[in-house]
Amino acid sequence: MKADDYLVLAALLLPLFVVSYWIVPYFTTYKHLQHIPGPFLGKFSNVWLAAGARQGKKFAWVDDAHRKYGKVVRVGFNHVSIATPEGLRTVYAHGNGFLKDYFYNAFVSGVPGVFNVRDRFEHTRKRKIVAHAFSPGAVKDFEPHMTNNLVRWVGELDKIASHTDGQGFGKINMMPWCTFVAFDIIGDLAFGAPFGMVLRGRDECPADMGGNTVYVPGAETLNRRGEVSSTLGLLPQVRPFAKVLPDPFFTRGLQSVANLHGIAVAAVDKRLSAEARDSEKGLVSIGRHDILEMLCRAKTSDGQPIAREELISEALTQLIAGSDTVSNTACAIMYWILHGERARPGTIVSRLQAELDAAIPADAVVAAHSMVKNLPFLRQCIDESMRLHSTSALGLPRLVTAPEGVACEKEHFPLGTVLSVPSYTLHHDADLWGADVEEFRPDRWLDLTPRQRMGFNPFSFGPRACVGQNVAHMELALIIGTAFRRYDFRLDQQVLTSHEGFSKKPDECWLGIRRRV
């Protein structure tokens, strides 16, 4: 056949492929979902949802769909999004037997970790190992590492604050500085040493790439990895060919997946090599209370240490969870506190600072957790900011595994259906939160309804909820408490725009900053 004949044959076969692959299943295999409203393309394939992920706006696309079509929306050929508190309790509940969807396979680098492992028994085994690292006693031991990094952080912020404008403020984009301190803290906790981003003032981490150490931008690597994995997770048929696709989004993203794994390899090897050298010299390690040390002491069911690849995978999971979510959330909290103050001057910041001043001694460089962990208004501000920003904004997909299916929102979803609940949409639902849903109002947390409490979902829910949420709360209280106790801020931008990889990241947050007298 000539080249022109192949083109003619392809032109004839393409409509047949489209009909057989997308159209026929709509009328046969997934006929039971036909009545559920949603975007037209989303009824036939995952391409609509993947396009939103490719743009970094999947949370916004899904939210728009819910506003247009209602609480129950078909967003993929076999994927239904449910935006109600009751849906949250059904889809992610303990004991429902649901599995993480195949979507999570795209996030595996090396061997599966506690975040992306799909097998229920493997997850139980891994979670027992990791959960020990986040017990109340273990979390308490993390504080000195957080404190040391916060001291370095405020030292650099003091320098920025000293270069003042006519109003006595320095100028700072808080987003990268939240990234620097969050990466350094989780580097300290998960790998035994900070990455040094705060002191360098740069997004930079060493990575082991096939035995060669190179320096890569940690936060940028993490963001690109989230973007490409979220997109390819919805298009599993495309994954084997992603490296050769002409769109550089995929080639850069897949390189970031490799770079991120290399960061974990380099950090773990550095720690283990240091311990091996000490052992060879006859030095007795006194132990370092951090996540990696606890993972190193963990045992498999037959009493053996966990394999090096699993150790790297679990340390990488903690790096991702502890850097991206905390940095994005801390920055968003600072923005929303200042936004609320701008909307109602004299009602937010002065009240927060009065509470912090009463709890933190004047000579303290940074807050101690004992000083801030029970401050009610600080916690209200943090929770209200997490509601409005929703760092974990997307609907985490779950596969119905019960042979009889599941009932939810007056619908029946059979075995094999993919369900999710979008946190961003749930947190911005006026039917749930009231007409002032878009306002920063911390005092709403004084009299929440049961449904509002049920619908607040910053760390997911059920057996696959974030195992490190206690550490996250501790870190956020220390960062926000220290920042507003030590500095006055001026909000220098009107809105906070965000871009979504796996989590939702503020693009920038420009503030004026000055030391408080």
Protein backbone atom coordinates (compact mmCIF):
# COMPACT_ATOMS: atom_id res chain seq x y z
CA MET A 1 0.00 0.00 0.00
CA LYS A 2 1.10 3.53 -0.74
CA ALA A 3 1.30 6.27 1.89
CA ASP A 4 -1.88 7.86 0.54
CA ASP A 5 -3.69 4.55 0.89
CA TYR A 6 -2.72 4.37 4.58
CA LEU A 7 -4.07 7.88 5.12
CA VAL A 8 -7.37 6.97 3.48
CA LEU A 9 -7.60 3.79 5.56
CA ALA A 10 -6.88 5.75 8.76
CA ALA A 11 -9.54 8.31 7.86
CA LEU A 12 -12.06 5.50 7.41
CA LEU A 13 -11.09 3.66 10.58
CA LEU A 14 -10.98 6.68 12.92
CA PRO A 15 -14.77 7.20 13.05
CA LEU A 16 -15.19 3.46 13.59
CA PHE A 17 -12.73 3.59 16.49
CA VAL A 18 -14.51 6.59 18.05
CA VAL A 19 -17.89 4.89 17.77
CA SER A 20 -16.71 1.54 19.17
CA TYR A 21 -14.47 2.92 21.92
CA TRP A 22 -16.56 5.84 23.23
CA ILE A 23 -20.06 5.87 21.76
CA VAL A 24 -21.08 2.20 22.04
CA PRO A 25 -20.10 1.87 25.76
CA TYR A 26 -22.19 4.97 26.51
CA PHE A 27 -25.29 3.12 25.28
CA THR A 28 -24.35 -0.32 26.62
CA THR A 29 -21.82 -0.82 29.45
CA TYR A 30 -22.53 2.53 31.13
CA LYS A 31 -26.17 2.91 30.16
CA HIS A 32 -27.14 3.14 33.83
CA LEU A 33 -25.35 6.52 34.09
CA GLN A 34 -27.05 8.16 31.08
CA HIS A 35 -29.57 10.06 33.18
CA ILE A 36 -26.90 11.75 35.32
CA PRO A 37 -26.17 15.25 33.98
CA GLY A 38 -22.72 16.56 33.18
CA PRO A 39 -20.48 18.06 30.51
CA PHE A 40 -21.19 16.49 27.11
CA LEU A 41 -17.67 15.17 26.48
CA GLY A 42 -17.45 13.90 30.05
CA LYS A 43 -20.28 11.44 29.39
CA PHE A 44 -18.21 9.54 26.83
CA SER A 45 -14.61 9.70 28.07
CA ASN A 46 -12.18 11.07 30.67
CA VAL A 47 -10.80 13.55 28.14
CA TRP A 48 -12.84 16.44 29.57
CA LEU A 49 -11.55 15.87 33.09
CA ALA A 50 -7.99 15.29 31.85
CA ALA A 51 -8.11 18.56 29.90
CA GLY A 52 -8.97 20.36 33.14
CA ALA A 53 -6.03 18.67 34.85
CA ARG A 54 -3.77 19.61 31.94
CA GLN A 55 -4.73 23.26 32.48
CA GLY A 56 -4.15 23.03 36.23
CA LYS A 57 -7.81 23.90 36.80
CA LYS A 58 -9.60 20.59 37.30
CA PHE A 59 -11.01 21.75 40.64
CA ALA A 60 -12.51 24.82 38.95
CA TRP A 61 -13.92 22.87 36.00
CA VAL A 62 -15.60 20.37 38.31
CA ASP A 63 -16.92 23.18 40.50
CA ASP A 64 -18.40 24.95 37.47
CA ALA A 65 -20.03 21.68 36.41
CA HIS A 66 -21.65 21.26 39.83
CA ARG A 67 -22.92 24.83 39.78
CA LYS A 68 -24.49 24.16 36.38
CA TYR A 69 -25.77 20.59 36.77
CA GLY A 70 -26.31 20.05 40.52
CA LYS A 71 -24.94 17.98 43.38
CA VAL A 72 -24.46 14.77 41.38
CA VAL A 73 -22.52 15.20 38.12
CA ARG A 74 -21.08 12.76 35.60
CA VAL A 75 -17.53 13.96 34.93
CA GLY A 76 -16.20 10.86 33.12
CA PHE A 77 -17.48 7.86 31.19
CA ASN A 78 -17.69 5.90 34.47
CA HIS A 79 -16.96 8.65 37.01
CA VAL A 80 -19.57 10.50 39.07
CA SER A 81 -18.77 13.47 41.30
CA ILE A 82 -20.97 13.91 44.39
CA ALA A 83 -20.79 17.27 46.17
CA THR A 84 -22.56 16.66 49.48
CA PRO A 85 -21.43 15.90 53.05
CA GLU A 86 -23.41 12.66 52.90
CA GLY A 87 -21.53 11.72 49.73
CA LEU A 88 -18.27 12.34 51.56
CA ARG A 89 -19.26 9.93 54.32
CA THR A 90 -20.40 7.31 51.82
CA VAL A 91 -17.50 7.38 49.37
CA TYR A 92 -14.65 7.55 51.90
CA ALA A 93 -16.21 5.78 54.88
CA HIS A 94 -14.51 3.18 57.04
CA GLY A 95 -15.63 -0.32 56.15
CA ASN A 96 -17.13 0.38 52.72
CA GLY A 97 -14.41 -1.64 51.02
CA PHE A 98 -13.89 0.89 48.21
CA LEU A 99 -10.49 0.93 46.54
CA LYS A 100 -8.47 3.83 45.27
CA ASP A 101 -9.11 4.10 41.54
CA TYR A 102 -6.55 3.15 38.86
CA PHE A 103 -5.89 6.91 38.69
CA TYR A 104 -3.32 6.46 41.48
CA ASN A 105 -1.12 4.16 39.39
CA ALA A 106 0.19 7.27 37.62
CA PHE A 107 1.66 8.50 40.92
CA VAL A 108 3.82 5.41 41.56
CA SER A 109 7.54 6.05 41.33
CA GLY A 110 9.64 3.01 42.15
CA VAL A 111 7.35 0.89 44.34
CA PRO A 112 3.94 2.00 45.67
CA GLY A 113 3.86 3.96 48.92
CA VAL A 114 1.14 4.38 51.51
CA PHE A 115 -0.41 7.19 49.44
CA ASN A 116 -0.72 5.45 46.07
CA VAL A 117 -0.88 1.74 46.93
CA ARG A 118 -4.26 0.37 45.83
CA ASP A 119 -4.28 -3.04 47.46
CA ARG A 120 -6.24 -2.87 50.70
CA PHE A 121 -4.05 -5.29 52.66
CA GLU A 122 -0.84 -3.67 51.49
CA HIS A 123 -2.21 -0.29 52.51
CA THR A 124 -3.08 -1.60 55.99
CA ARG A 125 0.47 -2.95 56.38
CA LYS A 126 2.08 0.27 55.16
CA ARG A 127 -0.18 2.51 57.21
CA LYS A 128 0.74 0.65 60.40
CA ILE A 129 4.40 1.36 59.68
CA VAL A 130 3.87 5.03 58.85
CA ALA A 131 1.25 5.68 61.55
CA HIS A 132 3.83 4.89 64.22
CA ALA A 133 5.86 7.84 62.98
CA PHE A 134 2.88 10.12 63.59
CA SER A 135 1.81 8.96 67.04
CA PRO A 136 1.33 11.79 69.58
CA GLY A 137 4.65 10.96 71.24
CA ALA A 138 6.53 10.91 67.95
CA VAL A 139 5.01 14.19 66.79
CA LYS A 140 6.11 15.87 70.01
CA ASP A 141 9.69 14.86 69.23
CA PHE A 142 9.49 16.63 65.86
CA GLU A 143 9.19 20.09 67.38
CA PRO A 144 12.92 20.84 67.86
CA HIS A 145 13.51 20.21 64.15
CA MET A 146 10.63 22.53 63.24
CA THR A 147 11.90 25.19 65.66
CA ASN A 148 15.42 25.20 64.23
CA ASN A 149 14.11 25.73 60.72
CA LEU A 150 11.67 28.43 61.82
CA VAL A 151 14.49 30.32 63.52
CA ARG A 152 16.41 30.33 60.23
CA TRP A 153 13.23 31.36 58.40
CA VAL A 154 12.48 34.42 60.56
CA GLY A 155 16.16 35.38 60.30
CA GLU A 156 15.76 35.69 56.52
CA LEU A 157 12.36 37.40 56.83
CA ASP A 158 13.93 39.94 59.19
CA LYS A 159 16.42 40.82 56.46
CA ILE A 160 13.64 41.33 53.91
CA ALA A 161 11.66 43.42 56.40
CA SER A 162 14.69 45.68 56.94
CA HIS A 163 14.64 46.92 53.31
CA THR A 164 11.69 49.24 53.72
CA ASP A 165 9.57 51.44 51.51
CA GLY A 166 8.06 54.79 52.48
CA GLN A 167 5.62 53.10 54.85
CA GLY A 168 8.25 51.06 56.65
CA PHE A 169 7.45 47.75 54.94
CA GLY A 170 9.74 45.39 53.08
CA LYS A 171 8.30 43.68 50.01
CA ILE A 172 7.98 39.88 49.87
CA ASN A 173 6.34 37.22 47.75
CA MET A 174 5.33 34.91 50.60
CA MET A 175 4.64 31.86 48.40
CA PRO A 176 8.27 30.87 47.79
CA TRP A 177 9.23 31.61 51.40
CA CYS A 178 6.46 29.32 52.65
CA THR A 179 7.82 26.73 50.22
CA PHE A 180 11.39 27.12 51.48
CA VAL A 181 10.51 26.62 55.14
CA ALA A 182 8.09 23.74 54.46
CA PHE A 183 10.67 21.90 52.33
CA ASP A 184 13.38 22.43 54.92
CA ILE A 185 11.17 21.19 57.74
CA ILE A 186 10.05 18.05 55.93
CA GLY A 187 13.62 17.45 54.75
CA ASP A 188 14.65 17.54 58.39
CA LEU A 189 11.81 15.24 59.46
CA ALA A 190 11.80 12.77 56.57
CA PHE A 191 15.47 12.63 55.60
CA GLY A 192 17.42 13.84 58.61
CA ALA A 193 18.58 17.25 57.33
CA PRO A 194 16.98 20.36 55.82
CA PHE A 195 17.43 21.01 52.11
CA GLY A 196 18.87 24.45 52.88
CA MET A 197 16.32 26.35 50.80
CA VAL A 198 15.73 29.01 53.47
CA LEU A 199 19.37 30.02 53.78
CA ARG A 200 19.96 29.91 50.02
CA GLY A 201 16.68 31.65 49.24
CA ARG A 202 16.28 29.31 46.26
CA ASP A 203 14.08 26.39 45.27
CA GLU A 204 16.87 23.82 44.99
CA CYS A 205 17.39 20.20 46.07
CA PRO A 206 20.08 17.60 45.32
CA ALA A 207 18.83 14.61 43.31
CA ASP A 208 20.48 11.29 42.48
CA MET A 209 20.03 10.70 38.75
CA GLY A 210 21.54 7.34 37.98
CA GLY A 211 24.49 7.79 40.33
CA ASN A 212 25.10 11.42 39.43
CA THR A 213 24.06 14.17 41.84
CA VAL A 214 22.39 17.14 40.20
CA TYR A 215 20.46 20.07 41.67
CA VAL A 216 16.82 20.45 40.68
CA PRO A 217 14.06 22.85 41.76
CA GLY A 218 12.18 20.90 44.43
CA ALA A 219 8.86 22.76 44.47
CA GLU A 220 8.72 23.15 40.69
CA THR A 221 9.53 19.46 40.30
CA LEU A 222 6.78 18.55 42.74
CA ASN A 223 4.22 20.76 41.00
CA ARG A 224 4.98 19.41 37.53
CA ARG A 225 4.89 15.86 38.81
CA GLY A 226 1.43 16.50 40.27
CA GLU A 227 0.16 18.07 37.05
CA VAL A 228 1.34 15.32 34.72
CA SER A 229 0.38 12.46 37.04
CA SER A 230 -3.11 13.91 37.59
CA THR A 231 -3.55 14.15 33.82
CA LEU A 232 -2.14 10.73 32.89
CA GLY A 233 -3.99 9.10 35.78
CA LEU A 234 -7.18 9.89 33.89
CA LEU A 235 -5.76 8.67 30.57
CA PRO A 236 -4.08 5.34 31.38
CA GLN A 237 -4.07 4.34 27.68
CA VAL A 238 -1.89 7.37 26.94
CA ARG A 239 0.70 6.73 29.68
CA PRO A 240 2.90 4.29 27.68
CA PHE A 241 3.26 6.88 24.90
CA ALA A 242 3.52 10.03 27.02
CA LYS A 243 7.27 10.42 26.48
CA VAL A 244 6.83 10.78 22.72
CA LEU A 245 3.85 13.11 22.74
CA PRO A 246 4.65 16.47 21.09
CA ASP A 247 3.26 18.45 24.02
CA PRO A 248 6.28 19.38 26.23
CA PHE A 249 3.93 19.31 29.22
CA PHE A 250 4.32 15.53 29.25
CA THR A 251 8.07 15.29 28.67
CA ARG A 252 8.81 17.93 31.33
CA GLY A 253 6.35 16.32 33.69
CA LEU A 254 7.79 12.84 33.33
CA GLN A 255 11.28 14.23 33.88
CA SER A 256 9.96 15.80 37.08
CA VAL A 257 8.66 12.39 38.19
CA ALA A 258 12.19 11.03 37.78
CA ASN A 259 13.75 14.08 39.46
CA LEU A 260 11.46 13.80 42.46
CA HIS A 261 12.37 10.16 42.93
CA GLY A 262 16.01 11.19 42.62
CA ILE A 263 15.60 13.74 45.42
CA ALA A 264 14.36 10.99 47.72
CA VAL A 265 17.13 8.59 46.68
CA ALA A 266 19.83 11.22 47.30
CA ALA A 267 18.46 12.20 50.69
CA VAL A 268 17.95 8.65 51.94
CA ASP A 269 21.37 7.52 50.70
CA LYS A 270 23.04 10.48 52.38
CA ARG A 271 21.42 9.62 55.70
CA LEU A 272 22.09 5.89 55.51
CA SER A 273 25.67 6.41 54.35
CA ALA A 274 26.37 8.67 57.32
CA GLU A 275 24.99 6.06 59.72
CA ALA A 276 27.07 3.34 58.02
CA ARG A 277 30.25 5.42 58.37
CA ASP A 278 29.54 5.98 62.06
CA SER A 279 29.02 2.25 62.52
CA GLU A 280 32.33 1.45 60.78
CA LYS A 281 34.12 3.86 63.12
CA GLY A 282 32.56 2.18 66.12
CA LEU A 283 30.43 5.22 66.94
CA VAL A 284 27.14 4.49 68.65
CA SER A 285 24.23 6.47 67.25
CA ILE A 286 22.01 8.00 69.91
CA GLY A 287 19.14 8.00 67.44
CA ARG A 288 17.41 10.91 65.82
CA HIS A 289 13.70 11.28 66.41
CA ASP A 290 12.41 11.75 62.88
CA ILE A 291 10.32 9.95 60.27
CA LEU A 292 13.21 8.27 58.47
CA GLU A 293 14.60 6.84 61.70
CA MET A 294 11.21 5.29 62.47
CA LEU A 295 10.92 3.89 58.94
CA CYS A 296 14.40 2.38 59.27
CA ARG A 297 13.30 0.63 62.47
CA ALA A 298 10.07 -0.66 60.92
CA LYS A 299 9.70 -4.40 60.27
CA THR A 300 7.78 -6.45 57.75
CA SER A 301 5.32 -9.14 58.82
CA ASP A 302 8.16 -11.67 58.99
CA GLY A 303 10.32 -9.43 61.18
CA GLN A 304 12.65 -8.16 58.47
CA PRO A 305 13.53 -4.49 57.85
CA ILE A 306 11.56 -2.97 54.99
CA ALA A 307 13.37 -2.99 51.65
CA ARG A 308 15.38 0.04 50.56
CA GLU A 309 13.01 0.80 47.67
CA GLU A 310 10.04 0.79 50.03
CA LEU A 311 11.96 2.99 52.44
CA ILE A 312 12.62 5.48 49.64
CA SER A 313 8.99 5.31 48.51
CA GLU A 314 7.60 6.03 51.98
CA ALA A 315 10.11 8.84 52.59
CA LEU A 316 9.13 10.31 49.21
CA THR A 317 5.47 10.16 50.20
CA GLN A 318 6.23 12.17 53.33
CA LEU A 319 8.27 14.68 51.33
CA ILE A 320 5.39 15.27 48.95
CA ALA A 321 2.70 15.40 51.61
CA GLY A 322 4.70 17.48 54.08
CA SER A 323 6.08 20.09 51.71
CA ASP A 324 3.46 20.81 49.06
CA THR A 325 0.36 20.83 51.25
CA VAL A 326 1.89 22.76 54.15
CA SER A 327 3.55 25.42 51.98
CA ASN A 328 0.43 26.00 49.89
CA THR A 329 -1.84 26.07 52.92
CA ALA A 330 0.42 28.34 55.01
CA CYS A 331 0.61 30.88 52.19
CA ALA A 332 -3.15 30.77 51.63
CA ILE A 333 -3.83 31.21 55.37
CA MET A 334 -1.70 34.35 55.44
CA TYR A 335 -3.53 35.73 52.42
CA TRP A 336 -7.01 35.02 53.76
CA ILE A 337 -6.30 36.45 57.21
CA LEU A 338 -5.12 39.66 55.58
CA HIS A 339 -7.96 39.60 53.08
CA GLY A 340 -10.44 39.31 55.93
CA GLU A 341 -8.75 42.23 57.68
CA ARG A 342 -8.95 44.32 54.51
CA ALA A 343 -12.65 43.55 54.14
CA ARG A 344 -13.42 44.38 57.80
CA PRO A 345 -10.57 46.49 59.23
CA GLY A 346 -9.82 45.97 62.89
CA THR A 347 -11.68 42.66 63.23
CA ILE A 348 -9.12 39.98 62.37
CA VAL A 349 -5.41 40.81 62.70
CA SER A 350 -5.60 42.84 65.91
CA ARG A 351 -7.66 40.08 67.55
CA LEU A 352 -5.25 37.39 66.37
CA GLN A 353 -2.18 39.32 67.48
CA ALA A 354 -3.68 40.03 70.89
CA GLU A 355 -4.23 36.30 71.38
CA LEU A 356 -0.68 35.53 70.23
CA ASP A 357 0.87 38.30 72.34
CA ALA A 358 -0.80 36.88 75.43
CA ALA A 359 0.47 33.36 74.70
CA ILE A 360 4.00 33.91 73.36
CA PRO A 361 6.64 35.64 75.53
CA ALA A 362 8.09 38.85 74.13
CA ASP A 363 11.61 37.40 73.99
CA ALA A 364 10.60 34.25 72.06
CA VAL A 365 12.04 34.18 68.53
CA VAL A 366 9.47 31.63 67.37
CA ALA A 367 6.38 30.12 68.94
CA ALA A 368 6.43 26.85 70.85
CA HIS A 369 3.65 24.40 70.12
CA SER A 370 2.53 24.42 73.76
CA MET A 371 1.92 28.16 73.38
CA VAL A 372 -0.25 28.03 70.27
CA LYS A 373 -1.84 24.60 70.03
CA ASN A 374 -4.95 25.56 72.01
CA LEU A 375 -5.46 29.14 70.82
CA PRO A 376 -9.08 29.23 69.63
CA PHE A 377 -8.99 32.21 67.28
CA LEU A 378 -5.77 31.04 65.63
CA ARG A 379 -7.41 27.66 64.94
CA GLN A 380 -10.56 29.37 63.64
CA CYS A 381 -8.45 31.42 61.21
CA ILE A 382 -6.58 28.32 60.04
CA ASP A 383 -9.75 26.27 59.52
CA GLU A 384 -11.57 29.09 57.73
CA SER A 385 -8.58 29.58 55.42
CA MET A 386 -8.38 25.85 54.67
CA ARG A 387 -12.06 25.93 53.79
CA LEU A 388 -11.68 28.84 51.40
CA HIS A 389 -8.44 27.73 49.76
CA SER A 390 -8.89 23.92 49.89
CA THR A 391 -5.33 22.81 49.15
CA SER A 392 -6.69 19.30 48.62
CA ALA A 393 -9.33 20.56 46.22
CA LEU A 394 -9.96 17.73 43.80
CA GLY A 395 -12.25 14.77 44.23
CA LEU A 396 -10.17 11.73 45.19
CA PRO A 397 -11.54 8.88 43.02
CA ARG A 398 -12.72 5.64 44.62
CA LEU A 399 -13.82 2.41 42.94
CA VAL A 400 -17.04 0.78 44.14
CA THR A 401 -16.14 -2.81 45.07
CA ALA A 402 -19.31 -4.04 46.77
CA PRO A 403 -21.03 -6.63 44.51
CA GLU A 404 -24.38 -5.04 45.31
CA GLY A 405 -23.09 -1.54 44.56
CA VAL A 406 -23.82 1.48 46.75
CA ALA A 407 -26.71 3.91 47.18
CA CYS A 408 -26.04 7.62 47.56
CA GLU A 409 -28.05 10.80 46.89
CA LYS A 410 -31.04 8.77 45.64
CA GLU A 411 -28.85 7.05 43.06
CA HIS A 412 -27.57 3.50 42.84
CA PHE A 413 -24.00 3.02 41.66
CA PRO A 414 -23.11 -0.56 40.70
CA LEU A 415 -19.86 -2.45 41.16
CA GLY A 416 -17.00 -0.82 39.25
CA THR A 417 -18.32 2.76 39.27
CA VAL A 418 -15.81 5.49 40.11
CA LEU A 419 -17.05 8.03 42.67
CA SER A 420 -15.43 11.14 44.13
CA VAL A 421 -16.33 14.13 46.30
CA PRO A 422 -14.69 17.45 45.35
CA SER A 423 -13.54 19.23 48.52
CA TYR A 424 -13.32 22.66 46.88
CA THR A 425 -16.95 22.50 45.72
CA LEU A 426 -18.10 21.20 49.10
CA HIS A 427 -16.26 24.03 50.89
CA HIS A 428 -17.79 26.67 48.60
CA ASP A 429 -21.38 25.41 48.63
CA ALA A 430 -23.72 28.20 49.71
CA ASP A 431 -26.44 25.64 50.50
CA LEU A 432 -24.10 24.19 53.12
CA TRP A 433 -22.23 27.25 54.45
CA GLY A 434 -24.72 30.06 53.88
CA ALA A 435 -24.90 33.16 51.70
CA ASP A 436 -21.57 34.43 53.08
CA VAL A 437 -19.76 31.29 51.87
CA GLU A 438 -17.11 33.32 49.99
CA GLU A 439 -16.34 35.56 52.98
CA PHE A 440 -13.50 34.98 55.44
CA ARG A 441 -15.44 34.71 58.69
CA PRO A 442 -13.54 32.79 61.39
CA ASP A 443 -16.38 33.06 63.88
CA ARG A 444 -18.53 30.74 61.78
CA TRP A 445 -16.51 27.98 63.48
CA LEU A 446 -18.08 28.86 66.85
CA ASP A 447 -21.49 27.50 65.86
CA LEU A 448 -21.11 25.03 63.02
CA THR A 449 -24.03 22.79 62.15
CA PRO A 450 -23.52 19.01 62.10
CA ARG A 451 -23.64 19.03 58.27
CA GLN A 452 -21.01 21.76 58.10
CA ARG A 453 -18.72 19.77 60.37
CA MET A 454 -19.38 16.72 58.23
CA GLY A 455 -18.60 18.68 55.06
CA PHE A 456 -15.25 20.12 56.16
CA ASN A 457 -12.66 17.94 54.45
CA PRO A 458 -9.13 19.40 54.40
CA PHE A 459 -7.37 16.07 55.01
CA SER A 460 -9.81 13.61 53.38
CA PHE A 461 -11.81 11.16 55.46
CA GLY A 462 -11.89 7.50 56.39
CA PRO A 463 -9.14 4.87 56.30
CA ARG A 464 -7.21 6.67 53.56
CA ALA A 465 -7.26 10.07 55.27
CA CYS A 466 -3.96 11.93 55.64
CA VAL A 467 -1.92 10.08 58.27
CA GLY A 468 0.18 13.19 58.95
CA GLN A 469 -2.60 15.67 59.64
CA ASN A 470 -1.52 16.13 63.28
CA VAL A 471 1.94 17.15 62.09
CA ALA A 472 0.37 19.49 59.53
CA HIS A 473 -1.78 21.19 62.19
CA MET A 474 1.26 21.55 64.43
CA GLU A 475 3.40 23.01 61.66
CA LEU A 476 0.71 25.44 60.49
CA ALA A 477 0.09 26.69 64.03
CA LEU A 478 3.84 27.28 64.50
CA ILE A 479 4.28 29.05 61.14
CA ILE A 480 1.20 31.26 61.35
CA GLY A 481 1.57 31.92 65.08
CA THR A 482 5.22 32.90 64.67
CA ALA A 483 4.59 35.06 61.60
CA PHE A 484 1.75 37.16 63.02
CA ARG A 485 3.37 37.44 66.45
CA ARG A 486 6.62 38.77 64.98
CA TYR A 487 5.48 40.83 61.95
CA ASP A 488 2.91 43.25 60.68
CA PHE A 489 1.81 42.52 57.13
CA ARG A 490 0.22 44.56 54.36
CA LEU A 491 -1.67 42.73 51.61
CA ASP A 492 -0.41 44.02 48.25
CA GLN A 493 -2.59 42.04 45.82
CA GLN A 494 -6.32 41.91 45.26
CA VAL A 495 -6.97 38.20 44.66
CA LEU A 496 -5.21 34.90 45.26
CA THR A 497 -5.00 32.89 42.06
CA SER A 498 -4.06 29.22 42.16
CA HIS A 499 -2.84 26.41 39.93
CA GLU A 500 -3.58 22.76 40.62
CA GLY A 501 -1.24 19.81 40.28
CA PHE A 502 -2.36 17.21 42.76
CA SER A 503 -2.84 19.96 45.34
CA LYS A 504 -3.87 23.58 44.77
CA LYS A 505 -0.95 26.02 44.89
CA PRO A 506 -1.19 29.83 45.13
CA ASP A 507 0.58 31.43 42.17
CA GLU A 508 2.00 34.25 44.30
CA CYS A 509 1.22 36.22 47.44
CA TRP A 510 2.77 39.71 47.58
CA LEU A 511 2.89 41.29 51.02
CA GLY A 512 4.48 44.17 52.81
CA ILE A 513 6.36 42.97 55.91
CA ARG A 514 7.80 44.80 58.93
CA ARG A 515 8.92 43.81 62.41
CA ARG A 516 6.41 44.57 65.13
CA VAL A 517 7.52 46.87 67.92
